Amino acid sequence: MIAARGIKQEWIDLVLASPALSHPDAADTELEHRLAVISEYGGRVLRVIVRSKRGLAQVKVGTGSDRFDA
């Protein structure tokens, strides 16, 4: 799914390490949304959703969007 959408692993790593914005999920307190603008992705915002559980991080890539409020 990630490759089919043209999303590179290095962009995911960037968003995880240095998000421009992060906030907790409104419905699930274990989830954190991390967002960053990816210039190589047409200046779109990449959202990576992280679930931290028992010291392990599970990562889900959300939509690439052109807005931070997406």
Protein backbone atom coordinates (compact mmCIF):
# COMPACT_ATOMS: atom_id res chain seq x y z
CA MET A 1 0.00 0.00 0.00
CA ILE A 2 2.75 2.47 0.88
CA ALA A 3 4.78 1.82 -2.27
CA ALA A 4 1.64 1.85 -4.44
CA ARG A 5 0.92 5.37 -3.18
CA GLY A 6 4.48 6.54 -3.90
CA ILE A 7 5.35 6.99 -0.22
CA LYS A 8 9.00 6.34 0.62
CA GLN A 9 10.16 4.73 3.87
CA GLU A 10 12.57 7.61 4.44
CA TRP A 11 9.60 10.03 4.53
CA ILE A 12 7.88 7.91 7.15
CA ASP A 13 11.09 7.87 9.19
CA LEU A 14 11.32 11.66 8.88
CA VAL A 15 7.75 12.16 10.10
CA LEU A 16 8.33 9.78 13.02
CA ALA A 17 11.56 11.47 14.09
CA SER A 18 10.74 15.12 13.37
CA PRO A 19 7.02 15.81 13.02
CA ALA A 20 5.99 19.40 12.31
CA LEU A 21 2.83 18.72 14.30
CA SER A 22 1.67 15.90 16.55
CA HIS A 23 -1.52 15.33 18.50
CA PRO A 24 -3.33 12.51 20.27
CA ASP A 25 -6.13 10.69 18.50
CA ALA A 26 -9.58 11.92 19.49
CA ALA A 27 -11.02 8.41 19.86
CA ASP A 28 -8.08 6.26 21.00
CA THR A 29 -5.70 7.60 23.64
CA GLU A 30 -3.01 5.08 22.65
CA LEU A 31 -2.71 6.67 19.19
CA GLU A 32 -0.63 9.70 18.25
CA HIS A 33 -0.87 11.45 14.87
CA ARG A 34 2.43 12.86 13.57
CA LEU A 35 2.42 15.11 10.51
CA ALA A 36 5.04 16.77 8.32
CA VAL A 37 5.20 18.44 4.94
CA ILE A 38 7.13 16.33 2.42
CA SER A 39 8.51 18.62 -0.30
CA GLU A 40 9.44 15.64 -2.51
CA TYR A 41 5.79 14.52 -2.31
CA GLY A 42 4.49 17.67 -3.94
CA GLY A 43 4.51 19.63 -0.67
CA ARG A 44 1.79 17.39 0.71
CA VAL A 45 1.38 16.58 4.38
CA LEU A 46 2.14 13.01 5.38
CA ARG A 47 0.33 11.71 8.47
CA VAL A 48 1.85 8.78 10.36
CA ILE A 49 -0.23 7.29 13.15
CA VAL A 50 1.70 5.63 15.98
CA ARG A 51 0.30 3.23 18.58
CA SER A 52 2.62 2.86 21.52
CA LYS A 53 1.89 -0.30 23.47
CA ARG A 54 4.13 -2.13 25.95
CA GLY A 55 7.18 -0.20 24.77
CA LEU A 56 6.65 -1.15 21.12
CA ALA A 57 5.56 1.27 18.42
CA GLN A 58 3.15 0.14 15.72
CA VAL A 59 3.06 2.48 12.76
CA LYS A 60 0.22 3.12 10.32
CA VAL A 61 0.60 5.54 7.45
CA GLY A 62 -2.40 7.76 7.00
CA THR A 63 -3.37 9.82 4.02
CA GLY A 64 -1.05 12.14 2.19
CA SER A 65 -2.82 15.47 2.23
CA ASP A 66 -2.19 19.07 1.34
CA ARG A 67 -3.46 20.36 4.72
CA PHE A 68 -2.51 19.85 8.36
CA ASP A 69 -6.17 19.56 9.39
CA ALA A 70 -6.92 16.64 7.09
